[in-house]
Amino acid sequence: MPKKQQMQDITGLIGPLYHSDKGVTHLMYSYNSAAYLFWQGFYEGLIAQGFGHQQALDEMTSKGVRRMFDARGEEVTELGRAMAKGYTSYLKSD
């Protein structure tokens, strides 16, 4: 297990979902897959709450989603931390 180190903001280093020449140094492995899974789950959650198919798609492309992420950024970051804990447990089991 690596030593605990100071947290750094790496958001400028994480690659986009498409190729870019903006000096990105780390393209995240299967980055698209995580996004697809998230958005599928988000869609399913809207449907489960009574949204119709087109209404859910419209909401997912609205500015409301951006506002939600802006307001709940810490929750999304915490999800990443929780996933990292599961990942390190997975590594230990190998």
C-alpha atoms as a PDB file:
ATOM      1  CA  MET A   1       0.000   0.000   0.000  1.00  0.00           C
ATOM      2  CA  PRO A   2       1.462   3.383  -0.962  1.00  0.00           C
ATOM      3  CA  LYS A   3       2.246   5.942   1.728  1.00  0.00           C
ATOM      4  CA  LYS A   4      -0.434   8.533   2.421  1.00  0.00           C
ATOM      5  CA  GLN A   5       0.398  11.725   0.561  1.00  0.00           C
ATOM      6  CA  GLN A   6      -0.963  15.237   0.367  1.00  0.00           C
ATOM      7  CA  MET A   7      -3.982  15.604  -1.918  1.00  0.00           C
ATOM      8  CA  GLN A   8      -3.476  17.524  -5.144  1.00  0.00           C
ATOM      9  CA  ASP A   9      -6.011  18.856  -7.625  1.00  0.00           C
ATOM     10  CA  ILE A  10      -5.497  16.744 -10.771  1.00  0.00           C
ATOM     11  CA  THR A  11      -8.600  17.846 -12.677  1.00  0.00           C
ATOM     12  CA  GLY A  12      -6.432  19.651 -15.247  1.00  0.00           C
ATOM     13  CA  LEU A  13      -4.510  16.439 -15.898  1.00  0.00           C
ATOM     14  CA  ILE A  14      -7.459  14.110 -16.493  1.00  0.00           C
ATOM     15  CA  GLY A  15      -8.181  13.460 -20.142  1.00  0.00           C
ATOM     16  CA  PRO A  16     -11.450  14.351 -21.803  1.00  0.00           C
ATOM     17  CA  LEU A  17     -13.853  11.887 -23.378  1.00  0.00           C
ATOM     18  CA  TYR A  18     -12.420  12.782 -26.773  1.00  0.00           C
ATOM     19  CA  HIS A  19      -8.919  13.481 -28.115  1.00  0.00           C
ATOM     20  CA  SER A  20      -7.590  16.929 -27.339  1.00  0.00           C
ATOM     21  CA  ASP A  21      -4.300  18.770 -27.794  1.00  0.00           C
ATOM     22  CA  LYS A  22      -4.663  20.734 -24.550  1.00  0.00           C
ATOM     23  CA  GLY A  23      -1.649  19.248 -22.815  1.00  0.00           C
ATOM     24  CA  VAL A  24      -3.543  16.507 -20.996  1.00  0.00           C
ATOM     25  CA  THR A  25      -1.046  14.149 -19.404  1.00  0.00           C
ATOM     26  CA  HIS A  26      -3.283  11.354 -18.061  1.00  0.00           C
ATOM     27  CA  LEU A  27      -6.040   9.795 -20.123  1.00  0.00           C
ATOM     28  CA  MET A  28      -8.058   7.770 -17.624  1.00  0.00           C
ATOM     29  CA  TYR A  29      -8.392   4.081 -18.508  1.00  0.00           C
ATOM     30  CA  SER A  30     -11.998   3.194 -19.423  1.00  0.00           C
ATOM     31  CA  TYR A  31     -13.007   6.755 -18.633  1.00  0.00           C
ATOM     32  CA  ASN A  32     -15.868   6.509 -21.129  1.00  0.00           C
ATOM     33  CA  SER A  33     -17.153   3.363 -19.432  1.00  0.00           C
ATOM     34  CA  ALA A  34     -17.547   5.088 -16.068  1.00  0.00           C
ATOM     35  CA  ALA A  35     -19.406   7.968 -17.698  1.00  0.00           C
ATOM     36  CA  TYR A  36     -21.713   5.617 -19.596  1.00  0.00           C
ATOM     37  CA  LEU A  37     -22.529   3.689 -16.428  1.00  0.00           C
ATOM     38  CA  PHE A  38     -23.179   6.890 -14.482  1.00  0.00           C
ATOM     39  CA  TRP A  39     -25.494   8.376 -17.096  1.00  0.00           C
ATOM     40  CA  GLN A  40     -27.360   5.098 -17.554  1.00  0.00           C
ATOM     41  CA  GLY A  41     -27.944   4.976 -13.805  1.00  0.00           C
ATOM     42  CA  PHE A  42     -29.019   8.625 -13.781  1.00  0.00           C
ATOM     43  CA  TYR A  43     -31.482   7.932 -16.601  1.00  0.00           C
ATOM     44  CA  GLU A  44     -32.849   4.850 -14.806  1.00  0.00           C
ATOM     45  CA  GLY A  45     -33.244   6.912 -11.627  1.00  0.00           C
ATOM     46  CA  LEU A  46     -35.281   9.544 -13.468  1.00  0.00           C
ATOM     47  CA  ILE A  47     -37.487   6.868 -15.065  1.00  0.00           C
ATOM     48  CA  ALA A  48     -38.011   5.240 -11.649  1.00  0.00           C
ATOM     49  CA  GLN A  49     -39.161   8.614 -10.330  1.00  0.00           C
ATOM     50  CA  GLY A  50     -41.857   8.890 -13.010  1.00  0.00           C
ATOM     51  CA  PHE A  51     -40.126  10.747 -15.849  1.00  0.00           C
ATOM     52  CA  GLY A  52     -40.969   9.616 -19.373  1.00  0.00           C
ATOM     53  CA  HIS A  53     -38.193   8.552 -21.745  1.00  0.00           C
ATOM     54  CA  GLN A  54     -38.018  11.842 -23.695  1.00  0.00           C
ATOM     55  CA  GLN A  55     -38.478  13.935 -20.565  1.00  0.00           C
ATOM     56  CA  ALA A  56     -35.543  12.133 -18.918  1.00  0.00           C
ATOM     57  CA  LEU A  57     -33.350  12.689 -21.985  1.00  0.00           C
ATOM     58  CA  ASP A  58     -34.329  16.359 -22.074  1.00  0.00           C
ATOM     59  CA  GLU A  59     -33.455  16.774 -18.394  1.00  0.00           C
ATOM     60  CA  MET A  60     -30.093  15.070 -18.889  1.00  0.00           C
ATOM     61  CA  THR A  61     -29.135  17.646 -21.538  1.00  0.00           C
ATOM     62  CA  SER A  62     -30.444  20.636 -19.602  1.00  0.00           C
ATOM     63  CA  LYS A  63     -28.553  23.237 -17.609  1.00  0.00           C
ATOM     64  CA  GLY A  64     -30.266  21.806 -14.524  1.00  0.00           C
ATOM     65  CA  VAL A  65     -27.827  18.886 -14.545  1.00  0.00           C
ATOM     66  CA  ARG A  66     -24.857  21.259 -14.551  1.00  0.00           C
ATOM     67  CA  ARG A  67     -26.389  23.212 -11.674  1.00  0.00           C
ATOM     68  CA  MET A  68     -26.903  19.957  -9.781  1.00  0.00           C
ATOM     69  CA  PHE A  69     -23.230  19.014 -10.214  1.00  0.00           C
ATOM     70  CA  ASP A  70     -22.140  22.516  -9.199  1.00  0.00           C
ATOM     71  CA  ALA A  71     -24.220  22.235  -6.018  1.00  0.00           C
ATOM     72  CA  ARG A  72     -23.263  18.625  -5.241  1.00  0.00           C
ATOM     73  CA  GLY A  73     -19.620  18.494  -6.244  1.00  0.00           C
ATOM     74  CA  GLU A  74     -18.514  17.164  -2.858  1.00  0.00           C
ATOM     75  CA  GLU A  75     -20.923  14.222  -3.190  1.00  0.00           C
ATOM     76  CA  VAL A  76     -19.447  13.312  -6.562  1.00  0.00           C
ATOM     77  CA  THR A  77     -15.917  13.626  -5.160  1.00  0.00           C
ATOM     78  CA  GLU A  78     -16.896  11.414  -2.207  1.00  0.00           C
ATOM     79  CA  LEU A  79     -18.200   8.791  -4.629  1.00  0.00           C
ATOM     80  CA  GLY A  80     -14.768   8.778  -6.268  1.00  0.00           C
ATOM     81  CA  ARG A  81     -13.131   8.306  -2.856  1.00  0.00           C
ATOM     82  CA  ALA A  82     -15.471   5.423  -2.026  1.00  0.00           C
ATOM     83  CA  MET A  83     -14.714   3.782  -5.373  1.00  0.00           C
ATOM     84  CA  ALA A  84     -10.973   4.129  -4.677  1.00  0.00           C
ATOM     85  CA  LYS A  85     -11.425   2.296  -1.354  1.00  0.00           C
ATOM     86  CA  GLY A  86     -13.143  -0.551  -3.166  1.00  0.00           C
ATOM     87  CA  TYR A  87     -10.393  -0.561  -5.772  1.00  0.00           C
ATOM     88  CA  THR A  88      -7.624  -0.837  -3.186  1.00  0.00           C
ATOM     89  CA  SER A  89      -9.526  -3.703  -1.522  1.00  0.00           C
ATOM     90  CA  TYR A  90      -9.695  -5.386  -4.919  1.00  0.00           C
ATOM     91  CA  LEU A  91      -5.921  -4.936  -5.376  1.00  0.00           C
ATOM     92  CA  LYS A  92      -5.226  -6.502  -1.984  1.00  0.00           C
ATOM     93  CA  SER A  93      -7.303  -9.576  -2.869  1.00  0.00           C
ATOM     94  CA  ASP A  94      -5.221 -10.343  -5.952  1.00  0.00           C
END
